[in-house]
Amino acid sequence: MVNPDYVFDKFISTTSNKFARTTCLDFARSIQPPHNPIFLHGPTSVGKTHLLHAIARLDSSLRPYGRVLLVTAEEMMNELNRDVATHLTRFREKYTNADLLLVDDIHILVGRKHTQQVFLDTFRKLIDNGGRLAMTSSKQTADLSVFIDAIMRSMKCSLMIHIKPPSRHEIALLLARRFSADGLQVQRELIKLATTCCTASDIRRSEGLVKQMMFAASLGMRSSTGNEGSRNFSD
């Protein structure tokens, strides 16, 4: 299911992800994009899944009768295993006839040679049928590189995009804009403290830490107010 909050308008651009956002926006707008397939890879929390969902939402709004499939590689693999008895007929029909196929977390296929081959054949057929394909991965191993390279080599207009982690300064800006969009007023010092306590690439942890500190602060204020009220009542 597409996350309604994962849209291009809510994806905050930084120097580390600007090219990825622009490419994905062009990919979603055109039925014949300059690059197909596209492959986004990088560490967690850099916006890969957000961009996949944004592509799905924009494409569906532009082409409401199109066949859009947004899945994780694990979901796709489970379908593959269930369809073995029918010689993969339903699996191939579903995934090779899509207008747009978006596959998240392709790194789960590491070490699964047979599954990789089935996916590779499926992706090739999808492209041959005029479909578009976008994938993401949070890991880059030698085994996965062979699989991805095979996809990219067999499709002339493919594009691989590496999204680097944002700097601590960029994380602070991202969090400030995100909280502002949600209607939350957060002190800059609180955000800065959270980013210094976490690794440079861990946006989710920084965001979680800010929310924890805000919650703790609100509890402290309630406790203080409650104690003051008790004292006034007893007086």
Protein backbone atom coordinates (compact mmCIF):
# COMPACT_ATOMS: atom_id res chain seq x y z
CA MET A 1 0.00 0.00 0.00
CA VAL A 2 1.26 3.45 -0.92
CA ASN A 3 2.06 5.73 2.01
CA PRO A 4 0.03 8.96 1.51
CA ASP A 5 2.74 11.00 3.23
CA TYR A 6 5.45 9.87 0.82
CA VAL A 7 4.99 12.41 -1.97
CA PHE A 8 7.48 14.55 -3.89
CA ASP A 9 6.27 17.75 -2.24
CA LYS A 10 7.22 16.37 1.18
CA PHE A 11 10.58 15.05 0.07
CA ILE A 12 13.14 17.59 1.25
CA SER A 13 16.06 17.98 -1.15
CA THR A 14 19.66 18.15 0.02
CA THR A 15 22.93 18.04 -1.88
CA SER A 16 23.02 14.28 -1.24
CA ASN A 17 19.60 13.42 -2.70
CA LYS A 18 18.73 16.21 -5.14
CA PHE A 19 19.74 14.25 -8.25
CA ALA A 20 17.79 11.19 -7.09
CA ARG A 21 14.65 13.26 -6.52
CA THR A 22 14.88 14.98 -9.91
CA THR A 23 15.45 11.68 -11.72
CA CYS A 24 12.54 9.97 -9.94
CA LEU A 25 10.24 12.90 -10.68
CA ASP A 26 11.05 12.71 -14.40
CA PHE A 27 10.65 8.93 -14.26
CA ALA A 28 7.16 9.24 -12.75
CA ARG A 29 5.99 11.89 -15.20
CA SER A 30 6.94 10.14 -18.42
CA ILE A 31 5.81 6.80 -19.82
CA GLN A 32 9.08 6.78 -21.77
CA PRO A 33 11.64 8.22 -19.35
CA PRO A 34 15.23 8.72 -20.47
CA HIS A 35 16.35 6.08 -17.98
CA ASN A 36 14.61 2.74 -17.45
CA PRO A 37 15.13 0.94 -15.15
CA ILE A 38 16.46 3.08 -12.32
CA PHE A 39 18.16 1.66 -9.26
CA LEU A 40 18.49 3.61 -6.00
CA HIS A 41 20.97 2.39 -3.43
CA GLY A 42 22.38 3.78 -0.22
CA PRO A 43 22.13 3.33 3.56
CA THR A 44 18.85 3.35 5.44
CA SER A 45 17.01 6.60 6.15
CA VAL A 46 18.12 8.46 3.02
CA GLY A 47 14.71 8.52 1.30
CA LYS A 48 14.76 5.57 -1.11
CA THR A 49 11.39 4.16 -0.05
CA HIS A 50 9.90 7.66 0.08
CA LEU A 51 10.87 8.19 -3.57
CA LEU A 52 9.37 4.86 -4.68
CA HIS A 53 6.05 5.72 -3.04
CA ALA A 54 6.18 9.22 -4.51
CA ILE A 55 6.65 7.74 -7.99
CA ALA A 56 3.66 5.44 -7.46
CA ARG A 57 1.38 8.26 -6.25
CA LEU A 58 2.31 10.69 -9.03
CA ASP A 59 2.04 8.06 -11.76
CA SER A 60 -1.36 6.93 -10.47
CA SER A 61 -2.63 10.52 -10.47
CA LEU A 62 -1.41 11.09 -14.04
CA ARG A 63 -2.51 7.69 -15.35
CA PRO A 64 -5.35 6.45 -13.10
CA TYR A 65 -5.99 3.38 -15.25
CA GLY A 66 -2.37 2.27 -15.36
CA ARG A 67 -1.16 -0.97 -13.78
CA VAL A 68 1.15 0.11 -10.96
CA LEU A 69 2.74 -2.45 -8.65
CA LEU A 70 4.57 -1.31 -5.51
CA VAL A 71 6.04 -4.25 -3.60
CA THR A 72 8.98 -5.25 -1.48
CA ALA A 73 11.34 -7.85 -2.88
CA GLU A 74 10.30 -10.13 -0.02
CA GLU A 75 6.62 -9.91 -0.98
CA MET A 76 7.52 -10.61 -4.58
CA MET A 77 9.68 -13.57 -3.56
CA ASN A 78 6.87 -15.03 -1.43
CA GLU A 79 4.52 -14.82 -4.41
CA LEU A 80 7.14 -16.57 -6.50
CA ASN A 81 7.39 -19.43 -4.01
CA ARG A 82 3.61 -19.83 -3.85
CA ASP A 83 3.33 -19.98 -7.65
CA VAL A 84 5.91 -22.73 -8.20
CA ALA A 85 3.12 -25.31 -8.55
CA THR A 86 1.71 -23.48 -11.59
CA HIS A 87 5.16 -23.12 -13.18
CA LEU A 88 5.20 -19.39 -12.35
CA THR A 89 2.39 -18.62 -14.80
CA ARG A 90 0.51 -16.21 -12.53
CA PHE A 91 3.72 -14.65 -11.24
CA ARG A 92 5.03 -13.86 -14.71
CA GLU A 93 1.68 -12.62 -16.00
CA LYS A 94 1.32 -10.24 -13.06
CA TYR A 95 4.79 -8.75 -13.05
CA THR A 96 5.64 -8.68 -16.75
CA ASN A 97 2.40 -6.96 -17.75
CA ALA A 98 2.63 -4.06 -15.30
CA ASP A 99 2.98 -0.54 -16.63
CA LEU A 100 5.11 0.40 -13.63
CA LEU A 101 6.87 -1.94 -11.23
CA LEU A 102 8.48 -0.56 -8.06
CA VAL A 103 10.50 -3.02 -5.97
CA ASP A 104 11.82 -2.01 -2.56
CA ASP A 105 14.68 -3.69 -0.64
CA ILE A 106 16.06 -5.80 -3.47
CA HIS A 107 19.03 -6.70 -1.26
CA ILE A 108 16.96 -9.47 0.30
CA LEU A 109 17.84 -11.54 -2.76
CA VAL A 110 21.48 -11.87 -1.65
CA GLY A 111 22.51 -15.52 -1.86
CA ARG A 112 19.34 -16.62 -3.70
CA LYS A 113 20.75 -17.42 -7.13
CA HIS A 114 17.66 -19.13 -8.57
CA THR A 115 15.34 -16.36 -7.38
CA GLN A 116 17.70 -13.75 -8.81
CA GLN A 117 17.54 -15.43 -12.20
CA VAL A 118 13.73 -15.55 -12.17
CA PHE A 119 13.59 -11.88 -11.20
CA LEU A 120 16.12 -11.00 -13.90
CA ASP A 121 14.07 -12.79 -16.58
CA THR A 122 10.90 -11.12 -15.28
CA PHE A 123 12.42 -7.64 -15.31
CA ARG A 124 13.75 -8.10 -18.84
CA LYS A 125 10.33 -9.20 -20.08
CA LEU A 126 8.68 -6.27 -18.29
CA ILE A 127 10.96 -3.79 -20.05
CA ASP A 128 10.45 -5.55 -23.40
CA ASN A 129 6.70 -5.14 -22.89
CA GLY A 130 7.11 -1.40 -22.46
CA GLY A 131 6.91 -1.30 -18.67
CA ARG A 132 9.00 0.81 -16.31
CA LEU A 133 11.03 -0.50 -13.39
CA ALA A 134 12.53 1.14 -10.29
CA MET A 135 14.34 -0.68 -7.49
CA THR A 136 16.01 0.15 -4.18
CA SER A 137 18.64 -1.51 -2.00
CA SER A 138 20.18 -0.64 1.37
CA LYS A 139 23.09 -3.02 0.91
CA GLN A 140 25.70 -3.51 -1.77
CA THR A 141 27.42 -6.90 -1.64
CA ALA A 142 29.45 -8.70 -4.28
CA ASP A 143 26.62 -11.18 -4.81
CA LEU A 144 24.04 -8.44 -5.26
CA SER A 145 26.36 -6.44 -7.51
CA VAL A 146 26.51 -9.33 -9.99
CA PHE A 147 22.70 -9.49 -10.07
CA ILE A 148 22.24 -5.72 -10.44
CA ASP A 149 25.01 -5.47 -13.05
CA ALA A 150 23.26 -8.17 -15.08
CA ILE A 151 20.06 -6.13 -15.04
CA MET A 152 21.81 -2.90 -15.94
CA ARG A 153 23.93 -4.40 -18.73
CA SER A 154 20.94 -6.01 -20.39
CA MET A 155 18.98 -2.75 -20.46
CA LYS A 156 20.68 0.07 -22.33
CA CYS A 157 18.86 3.00 -20.70
CA SER A 158 19.36 1.90 -17.10
CA LEU A 159 20.63 4.26 -14.41
CA MET A 160 22.12 3.55 -10.98
CA ILE A 161 21.93 6.31 -8.36
CA HIS A 162 23.81 6.26 -5.09
CA ILE A 163 22.21 8.39 -2.37
CA LYS A 164 24.78 9.41 0.21
CA PRO A 165 23.92 10.13 3.85
CA PRO A 166 23.25 13.79 4.63
CA SER A 167 25.58 15.76 6.87
CA ARG A 168 24.60 16.55 10.46
CA HIS A 169 23.80 20.10 9.37
CA GLU A 170 21.51 18.78 6.62
CA ILE A 171 19.84 16.38 9.07
CA ALA A 172 19.10 19.32 11.37
CA LEU A 173 17.55 21.24 8.46
CA LEU A 174 15.54 18.17 7.39
CA LEU A 175 14.16 17.64 10.88
CA ALA A 176 13.32 21.32 11.33
CA ARG A 177 11.35 21.37 8.06
CA ARG A 178 9.67 18.04 8.84
CA PHE A 179 8.53 19.16 12.29
CA SER A 180 7.38 22.49 10.87
CA ALA A 181 5.32 20.70 8.20
CA ASP A 182 3.69 18.64 10.97
CA GLY A 183 2.82 21.80 12.89
CA LEU A 184 5.32 21.15 15.68
CA GLN A 185 7.46 23.91 17.15
CA VAL A 186 10.81 22.48 18.16
CA GLN A 187 13.75 24.48 19.43
CA ARG A 188 16.80 24.42 17.19
CA GLU A 189 18.99 23.57 20.16
CA LEU A 190 16.96 20.40 20.74
CA ILE A 191 17.39 19.29 17.14
CA LYS A 192 21.09 20.11 17.19
CA LEU A 193 21.55 18.08 20.38
CA ALA A 194 19.77 15.08 18.83
CA THR A 195 21.91 15.14 15.69
CA THR A 196 25.14 15.28 17.70
CA CYS A 197 24.05 12.27 19.76
CA CYS A 198 23.40 10.10 16.68
CA THR A 199 25.47 8.98 13.74
CA ALA A 200 25.65 11.34 10.80
CA SER A 201 23.36 9.20 8.62
CA ASP A 202 20.72 8.20 11.18
CA ILE A 203 17.83 10.56 10.51
CA ARG A 204 15.20 8.28 12.05
CA ARG A 205 17.11 7.95 15.29
CA SER A 206 17.64 11.70 15.48
CA GLU A 207 13.95 12.32 14.87
CA GLY A 208 12.99 9.74 17.48
CA LEU A 209 15.37 11.28 20.01
CA VAL A 210 13.88 14.74 19.49
CA LYS A 211 10.37 13.37 20.04
CA GLN A 212 11.50 11.53 23.17
CA MET A 213 13.00 14.71 24.59
CA MET A 214 9.84 16.66 23.74
CA PHE A 215 7.71 14.02 25.44
CA ALA A 216 9.95 13.99 28.51
CA ALA A 217 9.80 17.77 28.67
CA SER A 218 6.00 17.75 28.45
CA LEU A 219 5.80 15.21 31.28
CA GLY A 220 8.08 17.41 33.38
CA MET A 221 5.85 20.42 32.78
CA ARG A 222 2.73 18.44 33.70
CA SER A 223 4.39 17.13 36.84
CA SER A 224 5.49 20.63 37.81
CA THR A 225 2.01 22.04 37.20
CA GLY A 226 0.42 19.21 39.14
CA ASN A 227 2.70 19.70 42.14
CA GLU A 228 2.07 23.44 42.15
CA GLY A 229 -1.66 22.82 41.99
CA SER A 230 -1.46 20.40 44.92
CA ARG A 231 0.44 22.92 46.99
CA ASN A 232 -2.11 25.65 46.22
CA PHE A 233 -4.97 23.32 47.10
CA SER A 234 -3.40 22.32 50.41
CA ASP A 235 -2.80 25.94 51.33
